[in-house]
Amino acid sequence: RWMVPTVWKVTNDEKLSHVEELQKMVPLWPNIRIPCTYMYGKKDGIVPPVNVEFAKKMLVNAPLHITAFPDENHFIPWTQQDSITRVILSYLKR
């Protein structure tokens, strides 16, 4: 571990506890009542795009807007920065 950059160690630690933490959250999803936006790249090899189906199933009490970027991968915060910024600003204006 001493040879691995700190950012990779943190990411790995997060990934190791990810499943357990997500399972703890399952009963809480119906409590979400605010509008939500799910933006994803269809070519994401890190977070499977099928996760959007889970969000659709779980966000039963919240309006959900989904934006799929067909040619994008996991790095949409950088490649689609303008799109993401517009969505964030639209929520701030409400």
N, C-alpha and C. Protein backbone atom coordinates (compact mmCIF):
# COMPACT_ATOMS: atom_id res chain seq x y z
N ARG A 1 0.82 -1.21 0.00
CA ARG A 1 0.00 0.00 0.00
C ARG A 1 0.86 1.27 0.00
N TRP A 2 2.06 1.19 0.49
CA TRP A 2 2.88 2.38 0.58
C TRP A 2 3.27 2.94 -0.78
N MET A 3 3.24 2.10 -1.82
CA MET A 3 3.60 2.55 -3.16
C MET A 3 2.41 3.15 -3.92
N VAL A 4 1.23 2.95 -3.40
CA VAL A 4 0.02 3.40 -4.10
C VAL A 4 -0.30 4.83 -3.68
N PRO A 5 -0.62 5.69 -4.65
CA PRO A 5 -0.99 7.07 -4.31
C PRO A 5 -2.21 7.10 -3.38
N THR A 6 -2.26 8.08 -2.51
CA THR A 6 -3.33 8.21 -1.52
C THR A 6 -4.71 8.20 -2.18
N VAL A 7 -4.86 8.90 -3.29
CA VAL A 7 -6.17 8.96 -3.94
C VAL A 7 -6.64 7.56 -4.35
N TRP A 8 -5.75 6.70 -4.76
CA TRP A 8 -6.13 5.33 -5.13
C TRP A 8 -6.50 4.51 -3.89
N LYS A 9 -5.79 4.75 -2.79
CA LYS A 9 -6.11 4.04 -1.55
C LYS A 9 -7.52 4.41 -1.07
N VAL A 10 -7.82 5.69 -1.10
CA VAL A 10 -9.15 6.16 -0.68
C VAL A 10 -10.23 5.57 -1.57
N THR A 11 -9.99 5.60 -2.88
CA THR A 11 -10.95 5.04 -3.83
C THR A 11 -11.17 3.55 -3.57
N ASN A 12 -10.10 2.83 -3.32
CA ASN A 12 -10.20 1.40 -3.05
C ASN A 12 -10.97 1.13 -1.75
N ASP A 13 -10.66 1.89 -0.72
CA ASP A 13 -11.37 1.73 0.56
C ASP A 13 -12.87 1.97 0.37
N GLU A 14 -13.20 3.00 -0.40
CA GLU A 14 -14.60 3.31 -0.67
C GLU A 14 -15.26 2.15 -1.41
N LYS A 15 -14.59 1.64 -2.41
CA LYS A 15 -15.15 0.55 -3.22
C LYS A 15 -15.39 -0.70 -2.38
N LEU A 16 -14.51 -0.98 -1.43
CA LEU A 16 -14.65 -2.17 -0.60
C LEU A 16 -15.88 -2.10 0.31
N SER A 17 -16.29 -0.91 0.71
CA SER A 17 -17.45 -0.77 1.59
C SER A 17 -18.71 -0.38 0.84
N HIS A 18 -18.59 -0.18 -0.45
CA HIS A 18 -19.67 0.34 -1.28
C HIS A 18 -20.94 -0.53 -1.22
N VAL A 19 -20.83 -1.80 -1.44
CA VAL A 19 -22.00 -2.69 -1.49
C VAL A 19 -22.75 -2.67 -0.16
N GLU A 20 -22.02 -2.81 0.92
CA GLU A 20 -22.65 -2.82 2.25
C GLU A 20 -23.38 -1.51 2.52
N GLU A 21 -22.76 -0.40 2.19
CA GLU A 21 -23.38 0.91 2.43
C GLU A 21 -24.61 1.10 1.55
N LEU A 22 -24.55 0.66 0.30
CA LEU A 22 -25.71 0.78 -0.59
C LEU A 22 -26.87 -0.08 -0.08
N GLN A 23 -26.57 -1.25 0.46
CA GLN A 23 -27.63 -2.11 1.00
C GLN A 23 -28.32 -1.44 2.19
N LYS A 24 -27.55 -0.73 3.01
CA LYS A 24 -28.14 -0.01 4.15
C LYS A 24 -29.10 1.08 3.68
N MET A 25 -28.84 1.63 2.49
CA MET A 25 -29.65 2.73 1.97
C MET A 25 -30.96 2.28 1.32
N VAL A 26 -31.08 1.03 0.95
CA VAL A 26 -32.25 0.56 0.19
C VAL A 26 -33.57 0.99 0.82
N PRO A 27 -33.79 0.82 2.12
CA PRO A 27 -35.10 1.20 2.66
C PRO A 27 -35.34 2.72 2.70
N LEU A 28 -34.31 3.50 2.46
CA LEU A 28 -34.43 4.96 2.55
C LEU A 28 -34.85 5.62 1.23
N TRP A 29 -34.72 4.93 0.12
CA TRP A 29 -35.02 5.51 -1.19
C TRP A 29 -36.42 6.11 -1.27
N PRO A 30 -37.45 5.46 -0.73
CA PRO A 30 -38.80 6.05 -0.83
C PRO A 30 -38.93 7.39 -0.10
N ASN A 31 -38.00 7.70 0.79
CA ASN A 31 -38.04 8.97 1.51
C ASN A 31 -37.58 10.15 0.65
N ILE A 32 -36.96 9.88 -0.46
CA ILE A 32 -36.49 10.94 -1.34
C ILE A 32 -37.69 11.51 -2.09
N ARG A 33 -37.91 12.81 -1.93
CA ARG A 33 -39.08 13.45 -2.53
C ARG A 33 -38.72 14.67 -3.38
N ILE A 34 -37.47 14.95 -3.50
CA ILE A 34 -37.05 16.11 -4.30
C ILE A 34 -36.72 15.67 -5.73
N PRO A 35 -36.80 16.58 -6.68
CA PRO A 35 -36.44 16.21 -8.06
C PRO A 35 -35.00 15.71 -8.14
N CYS A 36 -34.80 14.68 -8.94
CA CYS A 36 -33.47 14.08 -9.11
C CYS A 36 -33.12 14.01 -10.59
N THR A 37 -31.86 14.15 -10.87
CA THR A 37 -31.36 13.98 -12.23
C THR A 37 -30.29 12.91 -12.22
N TYR A 38 -30.41 11.99 -13.15
CA TYR A 38 -29.44 10.91 -13.30
C TYR A 38 -28.79 11.09 -14.67
N MET A 39 -27.52 11.42 -14.66
CA MET A 39 -26.77 11.61 -15.91
C MET A 39 -25.68 10.54 -15.97
N TYR A 40 -25.60 9.90 -17.13
CA TYR A 40 -24.62 8.83 -17.22
C TYR A 40 -24.14 8.64 -18.65
N GLY A 41 -22.96 8.05 -18.75
CA GLY A 41 -22.41 7.69 -20.05
C GLY A 41 -22.73 6.25 -20.36
N LYS A 42 -23.28 5.98 -21.52
CA LYS A 42 -23.65 4.61 -21.88
C LYS A 42 -22.44 3.69 -22.06
N LYS A 43 -21.26 4.27 -22.18
CA LYS A 43 -20.05 3.47 -22.33
C LYS A 43 -19.21 3.45 -21.05
N ASP A 44 -19.87 3.71 -19.92
CA ASP A 44 -19.17 3.73 -18.63
C ASP A 44 -18.76 2.31 -18.25
N GLY A 45 -17.47 2.11 -18.07
CA GLY A 45 -16.96 0.81 -17.68
C GLY A 45 -16.71 0.69 -16.19
N ILE A 46 -16.98 1.76 -15.44
CA ILE A 46 -16.75 1.76 -13.99
C ILE A 46 -18.07 1.60 -13.25
N VAL A 47 -19.05 2.43 -13.58
CA VAL A 47 -20.38 2.33 -13.01
C VAL A 47 -21.31 1.84 -14.12
N PRO A 48 -21.84 0.65 -13.99
CA PRO A 48 -22.66 0.10 -15.07
C PRO A 48 -23.88 0.96 -15.38
N PRO A 49 -24.10 1.26 -16.64
CA PRO A 49 -25.28 2.06 -17.01
C PRO A 49 -26.61 1.42 -16.61
N VAL A 50 -26.63 0.14 -16.31
CA VAL A 50 -27.87 -0.49 -15.86
C VAL A 50 -28.32 0.04 -14.50
N ASN A 51 -27.45 0.76 -13.81
CA ASN A 51 -27.83 1.35 -12.52
C ASN A 51 -28.99 2.32 -12.66
N VAL A 52 -29.18 2.88 -13.85
CA VAL A 52 -30.29 3.80 -14.06
C VAL A 52 -31.62 3.07 -13.84
N GLU A 53 -31.70 1.80 -14.18
CA GLU A 53 -32.93 1.03 -13.96
C GLU A 53 -33.22 0.90 -12.46
N PHE A 54 -32.18 0.75 -11.67
CA PHE A 54 -32.34 0.69 -10.22
C PHE A 54 -32.88 2.02 -9.70
N ALA A 55 -32.33 3.11 -10.19
CA ALA A 55 -32.81 4.44 -9.76
C ALA A 55 -34.27 4.62 -10.13
N LYS A 56 -34.66 4.21 -11.33
CA LYS A 56 -36.07 4.31 -11.74
C LYS A 56 -36.97 3.53 -10.79
N LYS A 57 -36.53 2.37 -10.40
CA LYS A 57 -37.32 1.50 -9.52
C LYS A 57 -37.42 2.07 -8.11
N MET A 58 -36.35 2.69 -7.64
CA MET A 58 -36.29 3.11 -6.24
C MET A 58 -36.81 4.53 -5.99
N LEU A 59 -36.70 5.40 -6.96
CA LEU A 59 -37.13 6.79 -6.76
C LEU A 59 -38.63 6.91 -7.06
N VAL A 60 -39.42 6.26 -6.23
CA VAL A 60 -40.86 6.19 -6.46
C VAL A 60 -41.61 7.45 -6.05
N ASN A 61 -41.01 8.27 -5.21
CA ASN A 61 -41.67 9.48 -4.73
C ASN A 61 -40.97 10.75 -5.16
N ALA A 62 -40.10 10.63 -6.13
CA ALA A 62 -39.34 11.80 -6.59
C ALA A 62 -39.40 11.88 -8.11
N PRO A 63 -39.57 13.09 -8.64
CA PRO A 63 -39.47 13.24 -10.09
C PRO A 63 -38.04 12.92 -10.53
N LEU A 64 -37.93 12.14 -11.57
CA LEU A 64 -36.60 11.72 -12.04
C LEU A 64 -36.42 12.10 -13.49
N HIS A 65 -35.36 12.84 -13.77
CA HIS A 65 -34.99 13.19 -15.13
C HIS A 65 -33.70 12.45 -15.45
N ILE A 66 -33.70 11.73 -16.57
CA ILE A 66 -32.54 10.92 -16.95
C ILE A 66 -31.92 11.47 -18.23
N THR A 67 -30.62 11.66 -18.19
CA THR A 67 -29.88 12.07 -19.38
C THR A 67 -28.79 11.04 -19.64
N ALA A 68 -28.87 10.40 -20.79
CA ALA A 68 -27.85 9.42 -21.19
C ALA A 68 -26.99 10.03 -22.30
N PHE A 69 -25.70 9.89 -22.15
CA PHE A 69 -24.76 10.35 -23.16
C PHE A 69 -24.25 9.11 -23.89
N PRO A 70 -24.72 8.85 -25.11
CA PRO A 70 -24.45 7.59 -25.80
C PRO A 70 -22.97 7.29 -26.03
N ASP A 71 -22.16 8.30 -26.26
CA ASP A 71 -20.75 8.07 -26.60
C ASP A 71 -19.79 8.40 -25.47
N GLU A 72 -20.33 8.56 -24.27
CA GLU A 72 -19.49 8.95 -23.14
C GLU A 72 -19.23 7.77 -22.20
N ASN A 73 -18.17 7.93 -21.38
CA ASN A 73 -17.83 6.93 -20.39
C ASN A 73 -18.01 7.51 -18.99
N HIS A 74 -17.19 7.13 -18.05
CA HIS A 74 -17.31 7.53 -16.65
C HIS A 74 -16.93 9.00 -16.41
N PHE A 75 -16.30 9.61 -17.37
CA PHE A 75 -15.70 10.92 -17.12
C PHE A 75 -16.56 12.09 -17.60
N ILE A 76 -17.88 11.92 -17.56
CA ILE A 76 -18.77 12.99 -18.01
C ILE A 76 -18.65 14.29 -17.19
N PRO A 77 -18.20 14.26 -15.93
CA PRO A 77 -18.02 15.55 -15.25
C PRO A 77 -17.03 16.47 -15.99
N TRP A 78 -16.14 15.88 -16.75
CA TRP A 78 -15.17 16.66 -17.50
C TRP A 78 -15.58 16.83 -18.96
N THR A 79 -16.15 15.79 -19.55
CA THR A 79 -16.49 15.86 -20.97
C THR A 79 -17.83 16.52 -21.23
N GLN A 80 -18.70 16.55 -20.23
CA GLN A 80 -20.03 17.15 -20.36
C GLN A 80 -20.24 18.21 -19.29
N GLN A 81 -19.18 18.94 -18.99
CA GLN A 81 -19.23 19.92 -17.91
C GLN A 81 -20.34 20.95 -18.11
N ASP A 82 -20.53 21.43 -19.32
CA ASP A 82 -21.58 22.43 -19.57
C ASP A 82 -22.97 21.87 -19.28
N SER A 83 -23.22 20.65 -19.70
CA SER A 83 -24.53 20.01 -19.46
C SER A 83 -24.78 19.84 -17.97
N ILE A 84 -23.79 19.38 -17.26
CA ILE A 84 -23.93 19.15 -15.83
C ILE A 84 -24.10 20.47 -15.09
N THR A 85 -23.35 21.48 -15.48
CA THR A 85 -23.47 22.80 -14.85
C THR A 85 -24.88 23.35 -15.05
N ARG A 86 -25.43 23.22 -16.26
CA ARG A 86 -26.80 23.70 -16.52
C ARG A 86 -27.82 23.02 -15.60
N VAL A 87 -27.67 21.72 -15.39
CA VAL A 87 -28.60 21.00 -14.52
C VAL A 87 -28.47 21.50 -13.08
N ILE A 88 -27.26 21.61 -12.61
CA ILE A 88 -27.05 22.08 -11.23
C ILE A 88 -27.64 23.48 -11.06
N LEU A 89 -27.37 24.37 -12.00
CA LEU A 89 -27.89 25.74 -11.89
C LEU A 89 -29.41 25.75 -11.95
N SER A 90 -30.01 24.86 -12.74
CA SER A 90 -31.48 24.81 -12.80
C SER A 90 -32.08 24.44 -11.45
N TYR A 91 -31.42 23.57 -10.71
CA TYR A 91 -31.91 23.21 -9.38
C TYR A 91 -31.73 24.36 -8.40
N LEU A 92 -30.68 25.13 -8.54
CA LEU A 92 -30.44 26.25 -7.65
C LEU A 92 -31.44 27.39 -7.86
N LYS A 93 -31.98 27.48 -9.06
CA LYS A 93 -32.93 28.54 -9.40
C LYS A 93 -34.34 28.25 -8.90
N ARG A 94 -34.59 27.03 -8.45
CA ARG A 94 -35.95 26.65 -8.02
C ARG A 94 -36.29 27.25 -6.69
